Structure formats: C-alpha cells, structure tokens
Protein backbone atom coordinates (compact mmCIF):
# COMPACT_ATOMS: atom_id res chain seq x y z
CA UNK A 1 -30.80 -14.76 -17.42
CA UNK A 2 -30.72 -12.93 -20.73
CA UNK A 3 -28.13 -10.21 -21.29
CA UNK A 4 -30.86 -7.59 -21.72
CA UNK A 5 -32.31 -8.57 -18.34
CA UNK A 6 -28.90 -8.17 -16.67
CA UNK A 7 -28.42 -4.81 -18.32
CA UNK A 8 -31.80 -3.73 -17.02
CA UNK A 9 -30.92 -4.83 -13.50
CA UNK A 10 -27.61 -2.98 -13.61
CA UNK A 11 -29.34 0.15 -14.87
CA UNK A 12 -31.91 -0.05 -12.06
CA UNK A 13 -29.21 -0.50 -9.43
CA UNK A 14 -27.27 2.41 -10.89
CA UNK A 15 -30.34 4.66 -10.65
CA UNK A 16 -31.01 3.50 -7.09
CA UNK A 17 -27.53 4.38 -5.94
CA UNK A 18 -27.60 7.68 -7.80
CA UNK A 19 -30.61 8.68 -5.71
CA UNK A 20 -29.00 7.44 -2.47
CA UNK A 21 -25.82 9.33 -3.27
CA UNK A 22 -27.78 12.52 -3.90
CA UNK A 23 -29.62 12.13 -0.58
CA UNK A 24 -26.37 11.45 1.27
CA UNK A 25 -24.77 14.61 -0.09
CA UNK A 26 -27.76 16.62 1.13
CA UNK A 27 -28.12 14.79 4.44
CA UNK A 28 -28.58 17.96 6.49
CA UNK A 29 -31.20 19.70 4.36
CA UNK A 30 -32.87 16.92 2.43
CA UNK A 31 -34.05 17.16 -1.18
CA UNK A 32 -37.31 17.90 -2.93
CA UNK A 33 -38.36 15.58 -5.72
CA UNK A 34 -37.31 18.24 -8.23
CA UNK A 35 -33.89 18.43 -6.53
CA UNK A 36 -33.44 14.67 -6.89
CA UNK A 37 -34.38 14.88 -10.56
CA UNK A 38 -31.86 17.66 -11.11
CA UNK A 39 -29.08 15.91 -9.14
CA UNK A 40 -29.51 12.51 -10.83
CA UNK A 41 -30.72 13.34 -14.31
CA UNK A 42 -33.57 10.89 -13.88
CA UNK A 43 -37.08 11.48 -15.09
CA UNK A 44 -39.58 12.73 -12.51
CA UNK A 45 -41.65 9.54 -12.60
CA UNK A 46 -38.56 7.30 -12.25
CA UNK A 47 -37.15 9.36 -9.40
CA UNK A 48 -40.51 9.36 -7.60
CA UNK A 49 -40.83 5.59 -7.95
CA UNK A 50 -37.30 4.98 -6.63
CA UNK A 51 -37.81 7.34 -3.70
CA UNK A 52 -41.02 5.56 -2.82
CA UNK A 53 -39.25 2.22 -2.80
CA UNK A 54 -36.41 3.57 -0.65
CA UNK A 55 -38.88 5.01 1.86
CA UNK A 56 -40.77 1.72 2.08
CA UNK A 57 -37.52 -0.09 2.95
CA UNK A 58 -36.30 2.47 5.49
CA UNK A 59 -33.42 3.59 3.29
CA UNK A 60 -34.96 7.04 2.88
CA UNK A 61 -37.43 9.14 4.84
CA UNK A 62 -39.85 11.85 3.75
CA UNK A 63 -40.66 14.78 5.99
CA UNK A 64 -44.41 15.00 6.38
CA UNK A 65 -44.46 18.82 6.48
CA UNK A 66 -41.94 19.84 3.83
CA UNK A 67 -42.12 16.78 1.59
CA UNK A 68 -38.32 16.68 1.50
CA UNK A 69 -36.53 13.37 1.31
CA UNK A 70 -33.68 12.41 3.65
CA UNK A 71 -31.31 9.48 3.94
CA UNK A 72 -32.97 6.77 6.06
CA UNK A 73 -32.10 5.51 9.51
CA UNK A 74 -31.38 2.02 8.19
CA UNK A 75 -28.29 3.45 6.49
CA UNK A 76 -26.92 4.20 9.95
CA UNK A 77 -27.03 0.53 10.93
CA UNK A 78 -25.29 -0.37 7.68
CA UNK A 79 -22.65 2.26 8.33
CA UNK A 80 -22.03 0.89 11.82
CA UNK A 81 -21.68 -2.61 10.38
CA UNK A 82 -19.10 -1.29 7.92
CA UNK A 83 -17.22 0.45 10.75
CA UNK A 84 -16.94 -2.86 12.58
CA UNK A 85 -15.75 -4.69 9.47
CA UNK A 86 -13.26 -2.03 8.47
CA UNK A 87 -12.01 -0.99 11.91
CA UNK A 88 -8.48 0.37 11.66
CA UNK A 89 -7.43 -1.83 14.57
CA UNK A 90 -8.78 -5.02 13.04
CA UNK A 91 -7.14 -4.33 9.71
CA UNK A 92 -3.75 -3.49 11.23
CA UNK A 93 -3.75 -6.35 13.75
CA UNK A 94 -2.26 -8.88 11.26
CA UNK A 95 0.59 -6.42 10.74
CA UNK A 96 1.24 -6.28 14.48
CA UNK A 97 1.19 -10.07 14.69
CA UNK A 98 3.67 -10.32 11.82
CA UNK A 99 6.06 -7.79 13.41
CA UNK A 100 5.89 -9.51 16.79
CA UNK A 101 6.53 -12.89 15.18
CA UNK A 102 9.49 -11.65 13.14
CA UNK A 103 11.14 -9.58 15.87
CA UNK A 104 10.00 -11.51 18.99
CA UNK A 105 9.53 -8.09 20.62
CA UNK A 106 6.33 -6.33 21.68
CA UNK A 107 4.71 -3.96 19.19
CA UNK A 108 1.92 -1.41 19.60
CA UNK A 109 -0.35 0.62 17.36
CA UNK A 110 -0.87 4.14 18.70
CA UNK A 111 -3.00 6.84 17.10
CA UNK A 112 -3.07 10.61 17.51
CA UNK A 113 -6.11 11.94 19.37
CA UNK A 114 -5.80 15.71 19.54
CA UNK A 115 -2.70 16.52 21.58
CA UNK A 116 -2.44 12.97 22.92
CA UNK A 117 -1.90 9.47 21.66
CA UNK A 118 -4.11 6.49 22.40
CA UNK A 119 -2.78 2.94 22.39
CA UNK A 120 -5.18 0.96 20.21
CA UNK A 121 -3.61 -2.48 20.23
CA UNK A 122 -0.68 -4.49 21.51
CA UNK A 123 0.89 -7.72 20.31
CA UNK A 124 3.40 -9.28 22.68
CA UNK A 125 6.59 -10.85 21.35
CA UNK A 126 7.86 -14.29 22.27
CA UNK A 127 11.23 -13.22 23.66
CA UNK A 128 11.48 -14.51 27.26
CA UNK A 129 12.08 -11.04 28.70
CA UNK A 130 9.10 -8.92 27.66
CA UNK A 131 8.77 -5.17 27.95
CA UNK A 132 5.19 -3.98 28.40
CA UNK A 133 4.94 -0.21 28.67
CA UNK A 134 1.44 0.34 27.28
CA UNK A 135 -1.98 -1.22 27.45
CA UNK A 136 -4.79 -0.87 24.93
CA UNK A 137 -6.70 2.28 25.84
CA UNK A 138 -3.78 4.06 27.54
CA UNK A 139 -3.46 7.76 26.71
CA UNK A 140 -0.31 9.90 26.88
CA UNK A 141 0.67 13.41 25.81
CA UNK A 142 2.24 13.63 22.38
CA UNK A 143 5.98 13.03 22.68
CA UNK A 144 5.85 10.57 25.58
CA UNK A 145 7.04 7.20 24.30
CA UNK A 146 8.76 6.29 21.04
CA UNK A 147 5.63 5.97 18.90
CA UNK A 148 4.19 9.17 20.32
CA UNK A 149 7.52 10.95 19.76
CA UNK A 150 7.62 9.84 16.12
CA UNK A 151 4.22 11.49 15.57
CA UNK A 152 5.19 14.71 17.35
CA UNK A 153 8.46 15.02 15.42
CA UNK A 154 6.59 14.69 12.12
CA UNK A 155 4.49 17.80 12.84
CA UNK A 156 5.39 21.37 11.92
CA UNK A 157 7.43 23.50 14.31
CA UNK A 158 4.44 25.80 14.90
CA UNK A 159 2.22 22.84 15.79
CA UNK A 160 4.89 21.46 18.12
CA UNK A 161 5.16 24.83 19.89
CA UNK A 162 1.40 24.91 20.36
CA UNK A 163 1.34 21.36 21.72
CA UNK A 164 4.06 22.11 24.26
CA UNK A 165 1.96 24.97 25.61
CA UNK A 166 -1.27 22.95 25.61
CA UNK A 167 0.35 19.92 27.26
CA UNK A 168 2.50 21.77 29.80
CA UNK A 169 0.52 20.55 32.81
CA UNK A 170 0.12 16.99 31.54
CA UNK A 171 3.81 16.77 30.63
CA UNK A 172 4.87 17.72 34.14
CA UNK A 173 3.92 14.23 35.32
CA UNK A 174 6.61 12.61 33.14
CA UNK A 175 10.43 12.60 33.43
CA UNK A 176 10.90 14.75 30.31
CA UNK A 177 11.27 18.50 30.28
CA UNK A 178 10.76 20.58 27.15
CA UNK A 179 14.48 20.95 26.50
CA UNK A 180 15.01 17.18 26.55
CA UNK A 181 11.99 16.52 24.36
CA UNK A 182 13.09 19.08 21.79
CA UNK A 183 16.49 17.36 21.65
CA UNK A 184 14.72 14.06 21.06
CA UNK A 185 12.56 15.62 18.34
CA UNK A 186 15.69 16.86 16.56
CA UNK A 187 17.30 13.41 16.83
CA UNK A 188 14.11 11.76 15.54
CA UNK A 189 14.03 14.01 12.50
CA UNK A 190 17.71 13.42 11.80
CA UNK A 191 17.49 9.64 12.18
CA UNK A 192 14.11 9.19 10.54
CA UNK A 193 12.74 7.24 13.51
CA UNK A 194 12.15 7.82 17.22
CA UNK A 195 14.23 6.16 19.92
CA UNK A 196 13.62 6.38 23.64
CA UNK A 197 15.50 4.62 26.42
CA UNK A 198 14.09 6.65 29.31
CA UNK A 199 11.30 4.96 31.22
CA UNK A 200 8.21 7.09 30.73
CA UNK A 201 6.63 6.32 34.10
CA UNK A 202 7.49 8.71 36.94
CA UNK A 203 9.89 7.27 39.49
CA UNK A 204 11.21 4.65 37.08
CA UNK A 205 13.42 6.89 34.95
CA UNK A 206 16.53 5.16 36.36
CA UNK A 207 15.40 1.85 34.89
CA UNK A 208 17.69 1.56 31.88
CA UNK A 209 17.06 -1.99 30.69
CA UNK A 210 14.23 -1.13 28.29
CA UNK A 211 13.87 1.01 25.17
CA UNK A 212 11.50 1.72 22.33
CA UNK A 213 11.56 2.74 18.68
CA UNK A 214 8.74 4.26 16.67
CA UNK A 215 7.90 5.24 13.10
CA UNK A 216 4.91 7.35 12.03
CA UNK A 217 2.03 6.29 9.82
CA UNK A 218 0.97 9.18 7.60
CA UNK A 219 -2.04 10.28 5.58
CA UNK A 220 -1.68 10.98 1.88
CA UNK A 221 -0.80 14.62 2.62
CA UNK A 222 2.08 13.56 4.87
CA UNK A 223 0.40 14.38 8.18
CA UNK A 224 1.08 11.76 10.88
CA UNK A 225 -2.00 9.90 12.06
CA UNK A 226 -0.60 6.95 13.98
CA UNK A 227 2.61 5.08 14.69
CA UNK A 228 4.10 1.64 15.08
CA UNK A 229 5.90 1.42 18.41
CA UNK A 230 8.21 -1.47 19.29
CA UNK A 231 9.70 -2.07 22.74
CA UNK A 232 12.32 -4.47 24.05
CA UNK A 233 15.22 -4.71 26.43
CA UNK A 234 17.83 -2.09 25.59
CA UNK A 235 20.51 -4.50 24.39
CA UNK A 236 18.11 -5.91 21.77
CA UNK A 237 17.46 -2.45 20.37
CA UNK A 238 21.11 -1.46 20.01
CA UNK A 239 22.67 -1.18 16.53
CA UNK A 240 23.04 -3.00 14.23
CA UNK A 241 19.82 -4.84 15.16
CA UNK A 242 18.02 -1.55 15.60
CA UNK A 243 18.61 -0.74 11.93
CA UNK A 244 16.87 -3.95 10.91
CA UNK A 245 13.97 -3.28 13.26
CA UNK A 246 13.53 0.25 11.93
CA UNK A 247 13.56 -1.07 8.36
CA UNK A 248 10.85 -3.59 9.27
CA UNK A 249 8.66 -0.96 10.93
CA UNK A 250 9.10 1.44 8.01
CA UNK A 251 8.15 -1.21 5.49
CA UNK A 252 5.06 -2.17 7.45
CA UNK A 253 4.08 1.49 7.94
CA UNK A 254 4.36 2.14 4.18
CA UNK A 255 2.15 -0.87 3.47
CA UNK A 256 -0.47 0.37 5.92
CA UNK A 257 -0.38 3.80 4.27
CA UNK A 258 -0.80 2.31 0.80
CA UNK A 259 -3.50 -0.21 1.67
CA UNK A 260 -5.55 1.76 4.21
CA UNK A 261 -5.29 5.32 2.90
CA UNK A 262 -9.06 6.04 3.05
CA UNK A 263 -9.28 4.76 6.63
CA UNK A 264 -6.30 6.86 7.71
CA UNK A 265 -8.07 9.95 6.42
CA UNK A 266 -11.16 9.09 8.43
CA UNK A 267 -9.26 7.92 11.52
CA UNK A 268 -7.67 11.35 11.78
CA UNK A 269 -11.06 12.72 12.87
CA UNK A 270 -13.20 9.67 13.66
CA UNK A 271 -12.19 7.75 16.76
CA UNK A 272 -14.93 5.15 16.23
CA UNK A 273 -12.77 3.64 13.50
CA UNK A 274 -9.93 3.41 16.01
CA UNK A 275 -11.33 1.68 19.06
CA UNK A 276 -8.83 -0.06 21.36
CA UNK A 277 -8.82 -3.82 21.53
CA UNK A 278 -7.54 -6.04 24.29
CA UNK A 279 -3.83 -6.81 24.46
CA UNK A 280 -2.47 -10.17 23.46
C-alpha cells in the first residue's frame, strides 16, 4: 500500500474516533449534527457521512424525533468484552500465584465495597498446614481481618469514625470491640502493615495458631482501594520472617498500583471490574 493511502486511512480512522469520542462525552443528551461539527472540527458533509456509517453499523443511533445522535448499543457489548479482558481479578491473579509460590502461604485479594470488604480471589500456598479464613465472595466489615484492617487504617480519622458508627451492628458479630480495633489501627499505622492473630470468626477467638498480615493497594491520590492479605500459622508469621513477607507484599502492591492505576480508579466505584473468582 502506498504511503498516501496509509495516511488517508489513518486520517479516516482519526475522524471516526473523534466523532465516537464526542458522542460518548454527550451520552446522556446526544448531539445534533451541528454539535458534532463543532466538537470535532470536521466539515458538515464529512461529519454527516461518518455519522451515517456509524448508525448503519450500530455504533451510533439517531433519535427519530429530535434527530440527535447517541452512542450505539453495540458499544455496550464491546465495553463488556473489555471488562472481561481487563478484570481487576484476572490481572492481579498472576501476582497472587507468585506470592503463594514464593511464600508457600495463602494469599487473598480483597477490595473495599462501601463500608465492607469483598474477597475477590484466593491462591492457596503449598505449605502442608494451610490457613483458609476467606473464600471468594465473602464480605466483612472494614477492619475485620488483616487486609481489611490495612484498608481501614489508611483512611482518615473522620472516615474511620463514620465507619465505626455505620458498622456498629455488623461489628457486634465479631470478637473485636471498638477499643481493640482502634488499638490495631494505631499499630497498623505505626508499623506500615496490618497484623492480626485473633481469629475473626465468633467462638474461635481462642484459636491462636493462625495469623494474617495485610498491606493496602492505593489509587493515585493515596486512597486505599484494595489489599493483599496473607495468612499462615502464627509461627510462620513471626519476625524476622514477617519482615520479609511484608516486604514482598509491599513490592507487589506497588507494582499493582503502577501497572493498573486506571483500573484501580474504576474499581473504586465499579464492582463489575472486581468480580470474585473461585478459590484455588
């Protein structure tokens, strides 16, 4: 193909996406032809021809009464396909596998959902004695469990106060009172990671052979969105090994933040990008 032909194709594609972008930005109200011309800088004839082509392919729709153009329903199917491909869980799963392989302990990905956390995925370690405290899809109040605690401790004091009030009834089902949780929040902030050796399930608080550590995963503005949560028998999480585990979790969390920053922004408000998957 001649260079001029390629340049023409690139120019056509650029115009096409300029129109789609303009329609997407006005998804609620739609655009008149003159609005598209103004938004894209295209000539009226060119804009009309592109809109006609988009409508014929289902990528745009024209309201029969107002004549306004809207983004087409086919874009929804494309968006859903992109959600599946770029699911937060699927993209983080190799990280969980790597942590489990290196540490031989069980690791979870948990994400904040309002005043709760949801366990999205679990990767079991190979150590003969395994500690399984969460399943994919489990929900708990913020602060219950090491990963959940790491998220809560990363919030502002005012937000923490609000969450304690909102979660008062839900928290009563767990062996943690507010005084104890606030002590754990202070320790988490001081240490830079969360540590919990109290069994979170009611009636099992005297079971002392298991523990967990957690580090938050943050958006670009520093707000915690999710956490990596590792569990094991207590003796395996004692120092100095704990320091190495925390360093591993921190490194992996920073890589997730750097590589998946756009998804973390969306996952903070869009749970469809953060659907649980079955445990391994």
